[in-house]
Structures are given as C-alpha cells and as structure tokens.
C-alpha cells in the first residue's frame, strides 16, 4: 500500500500529492495521513470523484484515509 503523508500541509497541496500518487500507482490502494479537517474533506472528494472507496480512521490528532480503487 502506498502511503501519502500530507500532515502539516495546506490545501491544495494534499490534494495535489494524493492525485499524483493515484496517477503513479494506478489500481493500488492508498493511505493518506492528514492532520486537518479541510484536507480530509478535499482528499475524500477527490477520491470519490475517481471511483475510490474511502474509509476514514481517526489517528491521534489527525486522520488516516484508506482509499481503495474501483469499488464505487
């Protein structure tokens, strides 16, 4: 599983990094680590628009988004 750590980054950077990981790893699940609500929502929106299933886990002071492709 590919991990994308966008903690401490402001939008749109988390979305850009997640999109790049999706493009470089087609068909692979991704784990995105973020520390703010806005990034969580924006990355979730991107993933949903690309047909990814999204599972959000609360981890410490942030979130771990598990993105699984093709399960729309």
C-alpha atoms as a PDB file:
ATOM      1  CA  UNK A   1       0.000   0.000   0.000  1.00  0.00           C
ATOM      2  CA  UNK A   2       1.265   3.441  -0.948  1.00  0.00           C
ATOM      3  CA  UNK A   3       1.339   5.963   1.904  1.00  0.00           C
ATOM      4  CA  UNK A   4       0.977   9.704   1.337  1.00  0.00           C
ATOM      5  CA  UNK A   5       1.845  11.879   4.333  1.00  0.00           C
ATOM      6  CA  UNK A   6       0.372  15.365   3.951  1.00  0.00           C
ATOM      7  CA  UNK A   7       0.380  16.340   7.621  1.00  0.00           C
ATOM      8  CA  UNK A   8       1.265  19.981   8.139  1.00  0.00           C
ATOM      9  CA  UNK A   9       0.458  20.944   4.541  1.00  0.00           C
ATOM     10  CA  UNK A  10      -2.282  23.357   3.463  1.00  0.00           C
ATOM     11  CA  UNK A  11      -4.680  22.772   0.595  1.00  0.00           C
ATOM     12  CA  UNK A  12      -4.353  22.381  -2.298  1.00  0.00           C
ATOM     13  CA  UNK A  13      -1.042  20.563  -1.669  1.00  0.00           C
ATOM     14  CA  UNK A  14      -2.611  17.457  -0.010  1.00  0.00           C
ATOM     15  CA  UNK A  15      -4.976  17.049  -2.974  1.00  0.00           C
ATOM     16  CA  UNK A  16      -2.148  17.539  -5.482  1.00  0.00           C
ATOM     17  CA  UNK A  17       0.074  14.967  -3.723  1.00  0.00           C
ATOM     18  CA  UNK A  18      -2.791  12.464  -3.457  1.00  0.00           C
ATOM     19  CA  UNK A  19      -3.685  12.915  -7.137  1.00  0.00           C
ATOM     20  CA  UNK A  20      -0.037  12.382  -8.114  1.00  0.00           C
ATOM     21  CA  UNK A  21       0.122   9.173  -6.028  1.00  0.00           C
ATOM     22  CA  UNK A  22      -3.082   7.934  -7.702  1.00  0.00           C
ATOM     23  CA  UNK A  23      -1.627   8.575 -11.150  1.00  0.00           C
ATOM     24  CA  UNK A  24       1.740   6.957 -10.326  1.00  0.00           C
ATOM     25  CA  UNK A  25       0.125   3.888  -8.715  1.00  0.00           C
ATOM     26  CA  UNK A  26      -2.993   3.063 -10.746  1.00  0.00           C
ATOM     27  CA  UNK A  27      -5.168   0.378  -9.193  1.00  0.00           C
ATOM     28  CA  UNK A  28      -3.254   0.456  -5.910  1.00  0.00           C
ATOM     29  CA  UNK A  29      -4.799   1.283  -2.534  1.00  0.00           C
ATOM     30  CA  UNK A  30      -3.511   4.420  -0.840  1.00  0.00           C
ATOM     31  CA  UNK A  31      -3.247   5.533   2.781  1.00  0.00           C
ATOM     32  CA  UNK A  32      -3.310   9.304   3.206  1.00  0.00           C
ATOM     33  CA  UNK A  33      -2.262  10.819   6.540  1.00  0.00           C
ATOM     34  CA  UNK A  34      -3.578  14.295   7.269  1.00  0.00           C
ATOM     35  CA  UNK A  35      -3.909  16.452  10.346  1.00  0.00           C
ATOM     36  CA  UNK A  36      -6.815  18.715   9.444  1.00  0.00           C
ATOM     37  CA  UNK A  37     -10.487  18.505   8.558  1.00  0.00           C
ATOM     38  CA  UNK A  38     -10.226  20.540   5.346  1.00  0.00           C
ATOM     39  CA  UNK A  39      -7.607  18.249   3.828  1.00  0.00           C
ATOM     40  CA  UNK A  40      -9.625  15.198   4.886  1.00  0.00           C
ATOM     41  CA  UNK A  41     -12.724  16.532   3.129  1.00  0.00           C
ATOM     42  CA  UNK A  42     -10.890  17.650  -0.023  1.00  0.00           C
ATOM     43  CA  UNK A  43      -8.919  14.414  -0.419  1.00  0.00           C
ATOM     44  CA  UNK A  44     -12.112  12.405   0.194  1.00  0.00           C
ATOM     45  CA  UNK A  45     -13.897  14.418  -2.501  1.00  0.00           C
ATOM     46  CA  UNK A  46     -11.059  13.771  -4.981  1.00  0.00           C
ATOM     47  CA  UNK A  47     -11.015  10.057  -4.192  1.00  0.00           C
ATOM     48  CA  UNK A  48     -14.782   9.737  -4.538  1.00  0.00           C
ATOM     49  CA  UNK A  49     -14.741  11.508  -7.901  1.00  0.00           C
ATOM     50  CA  UNK A  50     -12.168   8.981  -9.132  1.00  0.00           C
ATOM     51  CA  UNK A  51     -14.140   5.940  -8.002  1.00  0.00           C
ATOM     52  CA  UNK A  52     -12.215   5.168  -4.812  1.00  0.00           C
ATOM     53  CA  UNK A  53     -13.873   3.718  -1.739  1.00  0.00           C
ATOM     54  CA  UNK A  54     -12.974   5.830   1.307  1.00  0.00           C
ATOM     55  CA  UNK A  55     -12.513   4.686   4.877  1.00  0.00           C
ATOM     56  CA  UNK A  56     -11.557   7.320   7.460  1.00  0.00           C
ATOM     57  CA  UNK A  57      -9.805   6.433  10.720  1.00  0.00           C
ATOM     58  CA  UNK A  58      -9.160   8.936  13.490  1.00  0.00           C
ATOM     59  CA  UNK A  59      -5.485   8.638  14.424  1.00  0.00           C
ATOM     60  CA  UNK A  60      -4.060  10.768  17.221  1.00  0.00           C
ATOM     61  CA  UNK A  61      -4.669  14.382  16.273  1.00  0.00           C
ATOM     62  CA  UNK A  62      -5.402  13.610  12.634  1.00  0.00           C
ATOM     63  CA  UNK A  63      -6.850  11.164  10.153  1.00  0.00           C
ATOM     64  CA  UNK A  64      -5.792   8.166   8.093  1.00  0.00           C
ATOM     65  CA  UNK A  65      -7.776   7.853   4.885  1.00  0.00           C
ATOM     66  CA  UNK A  66      -7.752   4.420   3.305  1.00  0.00           C
ATOM     67  CA  UNK A  67      -8.516   4.792  -0.393  1.00  0.00           C
ATOM     68  CA  UNK A  68      -9.355   1.637  -2.322  1.00  0.00           C
ATOM     69  CA  UNK A  69      -9.776   1.952  -6.105  1.00  0.00           C
ATOM     70  CA  UNK A  70     -12.573   0.596  -8.231  1.00  0.00           C
ATOM     71  CA  UNK A  71     -15.156  -0.104  -5.541  1.00  0.00           C
ATOM     72  CA  UNK A  72     -17.540   2.686  -6.393  1.00  0.00           C
END
